[in-house]
Amino acid sequence: MPDTPKERLFFALFPPPEIRDQIVKLTRPLIQPNTGIELQATDLHITLIFIGETETQHKSCITQIADGIRATPFTLTLETLGYWEKPRILWLAPQPSPDLHQLVNQLTQQLSTCGYQAELRPYQAHISLLRKASPLTTYPPIPPLAWTVDAFCLARSIPHSQENRYEIIQRWLF
């Protein structure tokens, strides 16, 4: 029996081009030679839920769940740089947002009907800036960057891509 086609799926917030450009402008001075691999600007996002390897036939359940999500636009304020040693990621995070956590919780609860098992780790909203990164000696303050979130997306990872690593499959407006 042949393998069933699978995709690596996740729900995410992708910033609009003007916010994405501001993120790149703010963080570009931090990137020095040999500090890590910079993500393509179009790949910058905040993961809401990583669904993982998903059989193609299960995608309709996932999109039906997203069709039923109700939220109103909210503002995220990006302002904190940080580094995770084990995955070697330099990241930018927003201030805590009840609206963001409500969206994540709503998706998590509804996806259980599609067989999704929620992660046990607490949710940590962030935008990965560099992969295979070296820690910075200092983390300069970042001027707050306000992003009005008015949509979320279902996206897929594109394995072995040299360009964009992620592709938006569908977008839902609030």
C-alpha atoms as a PDB file:
ATOM      1  CA  MET A   1       0.000   0.000   0.000  1.00  0.00           C
ATOM      2  CA  PRO A   2       1.575   3.356  -1.003  1.00  0.00           C
ATOM      3  CA  ASP A   3       2.352   6.009   1.605  1.00  0.00           C
ATOM      4  CA  THR A   4      -0.408   8.544   2.156  1.00  0.00           C
ATOM      5  CA  PRO A   5       0.771  12.055   1.153  1.00  0.00           C
ATOM      6  CA  LYS A   6       1.526  14.246   4.174  1.00  0.00           C
ATOM      7  CA  GLU A   7       2.206  17.914   4.768  1.00  0.00           C
ATOM      8  CA  ARG A   8       3.790  19.718   7.746  1.00  0.00           C
ATOM      9  CA  LEU A   9       1.007  22.147   8.688  1.00  0.00           C
ATOM     10  CA  PHE A  10       0.730  24.970  11.187  1.00  0.00           C
ATOM     11  CA  PHE A  11      -1.501  27.920  12.013  1.00  0.00           C
ATOM     12  CA  ALA A  12       0.310  31.238  12.129  1.00  0.00           C
ATOM     13  CA  LEU A  13       0.148  34.998  12.020  1.00  0.00           C
ATOM     14  CA  PHE A  14       2.085  36.409   9.075  1.00  0.00           C
ATOM     15  CA  PRO A  15       2.760  40.138   9.365  1.00  0.00           C
ATOM     16  CA  PRO A  16       1.690  42.420   6.531  1.00  0.00           C
ATOM     17  CA  PRO A  17       4.525  43.676   4.298  1.00  0.00           C
ATOM     18  CA  GLU A  18       4.907  47.028   6.098  1.00  0.00           C
ATOM     19  CA  ILE A  19       5.345  45.347   9.502  1.00  0.00           C
ATOM     20  CA  ARG A  20       7.598  42.674   8.024  1.00  0.00           C
ATOM     21  CA  ASP A  21       9.803  45.408   6.501  1.00  0.00           C
ATOM     22  CA  GLN A  22      10.003  47.202   9.855  1.00  0.00           C
ATOM     23  CA  ILE A  23      11.039  43.966  11.599  1.00  0.00           C
ATOM     24  CA  VAL A  24      13.808  43.434   9.049  1.00  0.00           C
ATOM     25  CA  LYS A  25      14.951  47.059   9.405  1.00  0.00           C
ATOM     26  CA  LEU A  26      15.043  46.840  13.224  1.00  0.00           C
ATOM     27  CA  THR A  27      16.846  43.520  13.354  1.00  0.00           C
ATOM     28  CA  ARG A  28      19.242  43.791  10.395  1.00  0.00           C
ATOM     29  CA  PRO A  29      21.893  45.653  12.453  1.00  0.00           C
ATOM     30  CA  LEU A  30      21.992  42.714  14.907  1.00  0.00           C
ATOM     31  CA  ILE A  31      23.054  40.285  12.224  1.00  0.00           C
ATOM     32  CA  GLN A  32      26.806  39.970  11.997  1.00  0.00           C
ATOM     33  CA  PRO A  33      28.864  37.532   9.929  1.00  0.00           C
ATOM     34  CA  ASN A  34      28.649  33.993  11.331  1.00  0.00           C
ATOM     35  CA  THR A  35      25.828  34.847  13.762  1.00  0.00           C
ATOM     36  CA  GLY A  36      23.258  32.575  12.140  1.00  0.00           C
ATOM     37  CA  ILE A  37      21.008  31.960   9.168  1.00  0.00           C
ATOM     38  CA  GLU A  38      18.558  34.780   8.556  1.00  0.00           C
ATOM     39  CA  LEU A  39      15.012  33.826   7.635  1.00  0.00           C
ATOM     40  CA  GLN A  40      13.564  35.198   4.418  1.00  0.00           C
ATOM     41  CA  ALA A  41      11.398  38.243   5.167  1.00  0.00           C
ATOM     42  CA  THR A  42       8.333  36.494   3.727  1.00  0.00           C
ATOM     43  CA  ASP A  43       8.873  33.585   6.157  1.00  0.00           C
ATOM     44  CA  LEU A  44       8.615  35.755   9.291  1.00  0.00           C
ATOM     45  CA  HIS A  45       5.604  34.665  11.347  1.00  0.00           C
ATOM     46  CA  ILE A  46       4.283  33.830  14.798  1.00  0.00           C
ATOM     47  CA  THR A  47       3.244  30.194  15.032  1.00  0.00           C
ATOM     48  CA  LEU A  48      -0.116  29.776  16.729  1.00  0.00           C
ATOM     49  CA  ILE A  49      -0.231  25.978  16.616  1.00  0.00           C
ATOM     50  CA  PHE A  50       2.171  23.537  15.007  1.00  0.00           C
ATOM     51  CA  ILE A  51      -0.005  20.703  13.751  1.00  0.00           C
ATOM     52  CA  GLY A  52       2.839  18.686  12.221  1.00  0.00           C
ATOM     53  CA  GLU A  53       2.789  15.884   9.680  1.00  0.00           C
ATOM     54  CA  THR A  54      -0.798  15.691   8.467  1.00  0.00           C
ATOM     55  CA  GLU A  55      -2.358  13.382   5.935  1.00  0.00           C
ATOM     56  CA  THR A  56      -3.877  15.331   3.087  1.00  0.00           C
ATOM     57  CA  GLN A  57      -7.384  13.983   3.737  1.00  0.00           C
ATOM     58  CA  HIS A  58      -7.325  15.456   7.287  1.00  0.00           C
ATOM     59  CA  LYS A  59      -6.767  18.979   5.965  1.00  0.00           C
ATOM     60  CA  SER A  60     -10.503  19.477   5.352  1.00  0.00           C
ATOM     61  CA  CYS A  61     -11.222  18.912   9.075  1.00  0.00           C
ATOM     62  CA  ILE A  62      -8.546  21.478   9.947  1.00  0.00           C
ATOM     63  CA  THR A  63      -9.894  24.095   7.530  1.00  0.00           C
ATOM     64  CA  GLN A  64     -13.465  23.526   8.755  1.00  0.00           C
ATOM     65  CA  ILE A  65     -12.276  24.229  12.301  1.00  0.00           C
ATOM     66  CA  ALA A  66     -10.603  27.446  11.121  1.00  0.00           C
ATOM     67  CA  ASP A  67     -13.809  28.479   9.320  1.00  0.00           C
ATOM     68  CA  GLY A  68     -15.577  28.474  12.691  1.00  0.00           C
ATOM     69  CA  ILE A  69     -13.014  30.522  14.645  1.00  0.00           C
ATOM     70  CA  ARG A  70     -14.345  33.874  15.831  1.00  0.00           C
ATOM     71  CA  ALA A  71     -12.019  36.700  16.813  1.00  0.00           C
ATOM     72  CA  THR A  72     -11.772  40.444  16.483  1.00  0.00           C
ATOM     73  CA  PRO A  73      -8.705  42.373  15.318  1.00  0.00           C
ATOM     74  CA  PHE A  74      -6.148  43.032  18.056  1.00  0.00           C
ATOM     75  CA  THR A  75      -2.766  44.682  18.403  1.00  0.00           C
ATOM     76  CA  LEU A  76       0.482  42.919  19.172  1.00  0.00           C
ATOM     77  CA  THR A  77       3.414  45.006  20.335  1.00  0.00           C
ATOM     78  CA  LEU A  78       6.710  43.439  19.299  1.00  0.00           C
ATOM     79  CA  GLU A  79       9.533  44.598  21.551  1.00  0.00           C
ATOM     80  CA  THR A  80      11.595  41.831  23.157  1.00  0.00           C
ATOM     81  CA  LEU A  81      14.641  40.109  21.667  1.00  0.00           C
ATOM     82  CA  GLY A  82      15.765  36.780  23.050  1.00  0.00           C
ATOM     83  CA  TYR A  83      17.686  33.600  22.375  1.00  0.00           C
ATOM     84  CA  TRP A  84      16.937  29.931  22.947  1.00  0.00           C
ATOM     85  CA  GLU A  85      20.134  27.982  23.350  1.00  0.00           C
ATOM     86  CA  LYS A  86      19.032  24.448  22.526  1.00  0.00           C
ATOM     87  CA  PRO A  87      17.384  25.174  19.160  1.00  0.00           C
ATOM     88  CA  ARG A  88      19.822  28.106  18.629  1.00  0.00           C
ATOM     89  CA  ILE A  89      17.092  30.592  17.678  1.00  0.00           C
ATOM     90  CA  LEU A  90      17.273  34.389  17.954  1.00  0.00           C
ATOM     91  CA  TRP A  91      13.708  35.639  18.298  1.00  0.00           C
ATOM     92  CA  LEU A  92      11.497  38.712  18.634  1.00  0.00           C
ATOM     93  CA  ALA A  93       8.462  38.456  20.907  1.00  0.00           C
ATOM     94  CA  PRO A  94       5.360  40.532  21.569  1.00  0.00           C
ATOM     95  CA  GLN A  95       4.134  41.778  24.901  1.00  0.00           C
ATOM     96  CA  PRO A  96       1.707  39.287  26.480  1.00  0.00           C
ATOM     97  CA  SER A  97      -1.645  39.457  24.722  1.00  0.00           C
ATOM     98  CA  PRO A  98      -4.883  37.984  26.088  1.00  0.00           C
ATOM     99  CA  ASP A  99      -6.373  38.190  22.572  1.00  0.00           C
ATOM    100  CA  LEU A 100      -3.520  36.147  21.116  1.00  0.00           C
ATOM    101  CA  HIS A 101      -3.809  33.518  23.842  1.00  0.00           C
ATOM    102  CA  GLN A 102      -7.586  33.358  23.330  1.00  0.00           C
ATOM    103  CA  LEU A 103      -7.055  32.674  19.615  1.00  0.00           C
ATOM    104  CA  VAL A 104      -4.493  29.938  20.365  1.00  0.00           C
ATOM    105  CA  ASN A 105      -6.767  28.361  22.982  1.00  0.00           C
ATOM    106  CA  GLN A 106      -9.775  28.447  20.658  1.00  0.00           C
ATOM    107  CA  LEU A 107      -7.822  26.735  17.871  1.00  0.00           C
ATOM    108  CA  THR A 108      -6.342  24.166  20.268  1.00  0.00           C
ATOM    109  CA  GLN A 109      -9.723  23.206  21.721  1.00  0.00           C
ATOM    110  CA  GLN A 110     -11.444  22.945  18.346  1.00  0.00           C
ATOM    111  CA  LEU A 111      -8.601  21.007  16.689  1.00  0.00           C
ATOM    112  CA  SER A 112      -8.996  18.199  19.193  1.00  0.00           C
ATOM    113  CA  THR A 113     -11.991  17.071  17.109  1.00  0.00           C
ATOM    114  CA  CYS A 114      -9.520  16.503  14.232  1.00  0.00           C
ATOM    115  CA  GLY A 115      -7.306  14.343  16.437  1.00  0.00           C
ATOM    116  CA  TYR A 116      -4.810  17.091  17.301  1.00  0.00           C
ATOM    117  CA  GLN A 117      -2.955  16.593  20.587  1.00  0.00           C
ATOM    118  CA  ALA A 118      -1.948  19.895  22.197  1.00  0.00           C
ATOM    119  CA  GLU A 119       1.663  20.465  23.220  1.00  0.00           C
ATOM    120  CA  LEU A 120       2.403  20.231  26.913  1.00  0.00           C
ATOM    121  CA  ARG A 121       4.829  23.179  26.896  1.00  0.00           C
ATOM    122  CA  PRO A 122       3.401  26.613  27.600  1.00  0.00           C
ATOM    123  CA  TYR A 123       2.766  28.722  24.518  1.00  0.00           C
ATOM    124  CA  GLN A 124       5.500  31.287  23.785  1.00  0.00           C
ATOM    125  CA  ALA A 125       4.637  33.688  20.979  1.00  0.00           C
ATOM    126  CA  HIS A 126       7.700  34.738  18.988  1.00  0.00           C
ATOM    127  CA  ILE A 127       9.061  35.428  15.524  1.00  0.00           C
ATOM    128  CA  SER A 128      12.209  33.465  14.714  1.00  0.00           C
ATOM    129  CA  LEU A 129      14.775  35.829  13.200  1.00  0.00           C
ATOM    130  CA  LEU A 130      17.879  33.635  12.951  1.00  0.00           C
ATOM    131  CA  ARG A 131      18.339  29.865  12.952  1.00  0.00           C
ATOM    132  CA  LYS A 132      21.582  28.122  13.921  1.00  0.00           C
ATOM    133  CA  ALA A 133      22.275  31.387  15.713  1.00  0.00           C
ATOM    134  CA  SER A 134      24.996  32.375  18.119  1.00  0.00           C
ATOM    135  CA  PRO A 135      23.832  34.303  21.182  1.00  0.00           C
ATOM    136  CA  LEU A 136      24.323  38.061  21.099  1.00  0.00           C
ATOM    137  CA  THR A 137      26.609  39.599  23.697  1.00  0.00           C
ATOM    138  CA  THR A 138      23.899  42.162  24.464  1.00  0.00           C
ATOM    139  CA  TYR A 139      20.262  42.382  23.531  1.00  0.00           C
ATOM    140  CA  PRO A 140      19.531  45.991  22.680  1.00  0.00           C
ATOM    141  CA  PRO A 141      16.114  47.431  23.420  1.00  0.00           C
ATOM    142  CA  ILE A 142      13.825  47.353  20.428  1.00  0.00           C
ATOM    143  CA  PRO A 143      11.473  50.286  19.872  1.00  0.00           C
ATOM    144  CA  PRO A 144       7.944  48.883  20.233  1.00  0.00           C
ATOM    145  CA  LEU A 145       6.451  47.856  16.927  1.00  0.00           C
ATOM    146  CA  ALA A 146       2.634  47.768  16.858  1.00  0.00           C
ATOM    147  CA  TRP A 147       1.056  45.194  14.562  1.00  0.00           C
ATOM    148  CA  THR A 148      -2.714  45.101  14.089  1.00  0.00           C
ATOM    149  CA  VAL A 149      -3.581  41.439  13.636  1.00  0.00           C
ATOM    150  CA  ASP A 150      -6.708  40.936  11.554  1.00  0.00           C
ATOM    151  CA  ALA A 151      -6.178  37.445  10.121  1.00  0.00           C
ATOM    152  CA  PHE A 152      -4.589  34.073  10.742  1.00  0.00           C
ATOM    153  CA  CYS A 153      -3.308  31.510   8.260  1.00  0.00           C
ATOM    154  CA  LEU A 154      -2.883  27.822   7.678  1.00  0.00           C
ATOM    155  CA  ALA A 155       0.586  27.258   6.254  1.00  0.00           C
ATOM    156  CA  ARG A 156       2.833  24.411   5.242  1.00  0.00           C
ATOM    157  CA  SER A 157       6.564  23.872   5.559  1.00  0.00           C
ATOM    158  CA  ILE A 158       8.366  23.406   2.266  1.00  0.00           C
ATOM    159  CA  PRO A 159      11.166  20.899   2.913  1.00  0.00           C
ATOM    160  CA  HIS A 160      14.600  21.589   1.445  1.00  0.00           C
ATOM    161  CA  SER A 161      13.603  24.989   0.027  1.00  0.00           C
ATOM    162  CA  GLN A 162      16.470  27.416  -0.457  1.00  0.00           C
ATOM    163  CA  GLU A 163      14.076  30.338  -0.767  1.00  0.00           C
ATOM    164  CA  ASN A 164      10.839  30.572   1.189  1.00  0.00           C
ATOM    165  CA  ARG A 165      10.463  27.809   3.741  1.00  0.00           C
ATOM    166  CA  TYR A 166       6.728  28.350   4.281  1.00  0.00           C
ATOM    167  CA  GLU A 167       3.697  28.624   2.056  1.00  0.00           C
ATOM    168  CA  ILE A 168       0.354  30.088   3.096  1.00  0.00           C
ATOM    169  CA  ILE A 169      -2.437  27.699   2.141  1.00  0.00           C
ATOM    170  CA  GLN A 170      -5.406  29.739   3.360  1.00  0.00           C
ATOM    171  CA  ARG A 171      -6.045  32.978   5.260  1.00  0.00           C
ATOM    172  CA  TRP A 172      -9.003  33.753   7.521  1.00  0.00           C
ATOM    173  CA  LEU A 173      -9.926  37.381   8.257  1.00  0.00           C
ATOM    174  CA  PHE A 174     -11.407  38.364  11.603  1.00  0.00           C
END
